[in-house]
Amino acid sequence: MLFHLQHRFAAPVDAVESVMCDPDFYVALGELPDIGEPKILEHSATGKRVSVKVRLTFTGYMEPIAQKVLRGQTPSWVQLLEIDLDAHTAELRIDPDVAGSVVRCTGHYDLKWDGDHTVRNLDGEFAVRIPMLGKRAEKAIGPGIVRRLDIEADILRKRLP
């Protein structure tokens, strides 16, 4: 399942990137619905590149097909964001702790100033590679991932100066 999200922020690109680089922002992701307390695993900066790795655990209702894919285990994942402050881009990778060999989610952020707002585009892919079940699972699980990414943008918006 391919997806595209666009978020607009009433702040300059560097302010948006500053929040995206801040470990406290990822702690605030505990405000997401059905997500337990986030755990920062890594935060590092090398020159104009910042890497943030956080573990998230899903605590809400799971569709039966998601339960089947995860074999009844609690879904948790590591979200890695590699931010390039010179290029104003970021790479997103979500690595599930359970079913990681068959579930994949990646994305590419592009941030641009349009004269009034920072426009952040995210192009991503969520895939479940299970014969005869994968596409159904993507349709059941994917919209929840997209919805949480939209809510994550709202949390970012609240943290802007």
Protein backbone atom coordinates (compact mmCIF):
# COMPACT_ATOMS: atom_id res chain seq x y z
CA MET A 1 0.00 0.00 0.00
CA LEU A 2 1.51 3.26 -1.12
CA PHE A 3 0.52 6.41 0.73
CA HIS A 4 1.11 10.14 0.47
CA LEU A 5 0.57 12.62 3.29
CA GLN A 6 1.02 16.37 3.26
CA HIS A 7 1.22 18.40 6.44
CA ARG A 8 1.44 22.18 6.66
CA PHE A 9 3.07 23.94 9.59
CA ALA A 10 2.91 27.68 10.33
CA ALA A 11 6.63 27.83 11.06
CA PRO A 12 9.89 27.90 9.09
CA VAL A 13 11.49 24.66 7.91
CA ASP A 14 14.28 24.85 10.51
CA ALA A 15 11.73 25.12 13.34
CA VAL A 16 9.85 22.04 12.07
CA GLU A 17 13.13 20.15 11.72
CA SER A 18 14.16 21.22 15.21
CA VAL A 19 11.05 19.57 16.66
CA MET A 20 11.59 16.49 14.48
CA CYS A 21 15.13 16.24 15.93
CA ASP A 22 14.05 16.71 19.56
CA PRO A 23 13.87 13.48 21.62
CA ASP A 24 11.15 15.06 23.79
CA PHE A 25 8.90 15.17 20.71
CA TYR A 26 9.12 11.38 20.46
CA VAL A 27 8.31 11.00 24.16
CA ALA A 28 5.18 13.08 23.43
CA LEU A 29 4.09 10.40 20.93
CA GLY A 30 2.62 8.69 23.98
CA GLU A 31 -0.32 11.04 23.22
CA LEU A 32 -1.11 8.95 20.14
CA PRO A 33 -4.25 6.86 20.55
CA ASP A 34 -3.59 3.26 21.57
CA ILE A 35 0.16 3.78 22.02
CA GLY A 36 2.03 3.00 25.24
CA GLU A 37 4.87 5.06 26.65
CA PRO A 38 7.53 5.57 23.95
CA LYS A 39 11.11 4.60 24.70
CA ILE A 40 13.97 6.53 23.08
CA LEU A 41 16.56 3.98 21.95
CA GLU A 42 18.96 6.32 20.18
CA HIS A 43 19.42 9.98 19.46
CA SER A 44 22.58 11.07 17.67
CA ALA A 45 23.77 13.95 15.55
CA THR A 46 26.70 13.94 13.15
CA GLY A 47 27.15 17.26 11.42
CA LYS A 48 23.85 18.08 9.73
CA ARG A 49 22.43 14.56 10.07
CA VAL A 50 20.27 13.51 13.02
CA SER A 51 19.11 10.00 13.82
CA VAL A 52 16.25 9.25 16.22
CA LYS A 53 15.20 5.72 17.08
CA VAL A 54 12.18 5.12 19.32
CA ARG A 55 10.28 1.99 20.36
CA LEU A 56 6.48 2.19 20.34
CA THR A 57 3.94 -0.37 21.55
CA PHE A 58 0.36 -0.62 20.36
CA THR A 59 -2.15 -1.02 23.20
CA GLY A 60 -5.50 -0.82 21.41
CA TYR A 61 -7.95 -2.99 19.54
CA MET A 62 -6.54 -5.03 16.67
CA GLU A 63 -8.49 -6.17 13.65
CA PRO A 64 -8.70 -9.97 13.48
CA ILE A 65 -6.52 -10.03 10.39
CA ALA A 66 -3.83 -8.05 12.23
CA GLN A 67 -4.02 -10.55 15.10
CA LYS A 68 -3.49 -13.32 12.56
CA VAL A 69 -0.45 -11.60 11.00
CA LEU A 70 1.03 -10.98 14.46
CA ARG A 71 0.07 -14.44 15.73
CA GLY A 72 -1.64 -12.93 18.77
CA GLN A 73 1.50 -11.12 20.00
CA THR A 74 1.50 -7.52 21.18
CA PRO A 75 2.56 -5.26 18.31
CA SER A 76 5.58 -3.10 18.98
CA TRP A 77 8.04 -1.55 16.60
CA VAL A 78 11.12 0.58 16.31
CA GLN A 79 10.61 3.82 14.40
CA LEU A 80 13.82 5.20 12.92
CA LEU A 81 14.01 8.69 11.45
CA GLU A 82 17.19 9.80 9.68
CA ILE A 83 17.01 13.57 9.16
CA ASP A 84 19.23 15.46 6.69
CA LEU A 85 19.14 19.11 7.75
CA ASP A 86 21.00 20.30 4.63
CA ALA A 87 18.66 18.60 2.16
CA HIS A 88 15.54 19.16 4.33
CA THR A 89 14.60 15.52 3.94
CA ALA A 90 14.19 12.54 6.24
CA GLU A 91 13.98 8.79 5.81
CA LEU A 92 11.47 6.88 7.91
CA ARG A 93 11.69 3.18 8.64
CA ILE A 94 9.38 1.24 10.91
CA ASP A 95 10.74 -2.14 11.98
CA PRO A 96 8.13 -4.36 13.68
CA ASP A 97 9.34 -6.47 16.59
CA VAL A 98 6.81 -9.15 15.64
CA ALA A 99 6.39 -10.37 12.04
CA GLY A 100 9.25 -8.13 10.92
CA SER A 101 10.12 -10.53 8.13
CA VAL A 102 6.73 -10.03 6.46
CA VAL A 103 5.74 -6.47 7.46
CA ARG A 104 7.56 -3.42 6.13
CA CYS A 105 6.91 0.31 6.38
CA THR A 106 9.18 2.98 4.94
CA GLY A 107 8.82 6.59 3.93
CA HIS A 108 10.57 9.69 2.65
CA TYR A 109 9.88 13.19 4.02
CA ASP A 110 10.53 16.32 2.00
CA LEU A 111 10.21 19.73 3.67
CA LYS A 112 9.85 22.99 1.75
CA TRP A 113 8.94 26.58 2.63
CA ASP A 114 6.07 27.90 0.49
CA GLY A 115 6.26 31.53 1.66
CA ASP A 116 3.73 31.08 4.49
CA HIS A 117 4.17 27.56 5.80
CA THR A 118 6.50 24.62 5.85
CA VAL A 119 4.99 21.94 3.66
CA ARG A 120 6.05 18.46 4.66
CA ASN A 121 5.32 15.70 2.19
CA LEU A 122 5.62 12.06 3.18
CA ASP A 123 5.62 9.37 0.53
CA GLY A 124 5.59 5.91 2.00
CA GLU A 125 4.85 2.26 1.59
CA PHE A 126 3.30 -0.22 3.98
CA ALA A 127 3.52 -3.83 2.86
CA VAL A 128 2.51 -7.18 4.32
CA ARG A 129 4.18 -9.97 2.39
CA ILE A 130 1.98 -12.97 3.14
CA PRO A 131 0.50 -14.86 0.21
CA MET A 132 -3.28 -14.47 -0.15
CA LEU A 133 -3.50 -12.46 3.09
CA GLY A 134 -1.10 -9.55 2.55
CA LYS A 135 -3.33 -7.15 0.61
CA ARG A 136 -6.25 -7.69 3.01
CA ALA A 137 -3.94 -7.06 5.96
CA GLU A 138 -2.59 -3.88 4.33
CA LYS A 139 -6.14 -2.58 3.84
CA ALA A 140 -7.04 -3.34 7.47
CA ILE A 141 -3.83 -2.08 9.15
CA GLY A 142 -2.58 0.64 6.77
CA PRO A 143 -5.25 3.27 7.45
CA GLY A 144 -4.43 3.15 11.17
CA ILE A 145 -0.77 3.81 10.42
CA VAL A 146 -1.68 6.76 8.20
CA ARG A 147 -4.08 8.14 10.82
CA ARG A 148 -1.37 7.97 13.49
CA LEU A 149 1.08 9.78 11.20
CA ASP A 150 -1.50 12.56 10.82
CA ILE A 151 -1.94 12.75 14.60
CA GLU A 152 1.85 12.76 15.00
CA ALA A 153 1.89 15.86 12.76
CA ASP A 154 -0.69 17.49 15.07
CA ILE A 155 1.56 16.76 18.07
CA LEU A 156 4.49 18.31 16.19
CA ARG A 157 2.35 21.37 15.38
CA LYS A 158 1.63 21.91 19.10
CA ARG A 159 5.37 21.91 19.89
CA LEU A 160 6.27 24.63 17.38
CA PRO A 161 7.17 28.11 18.66
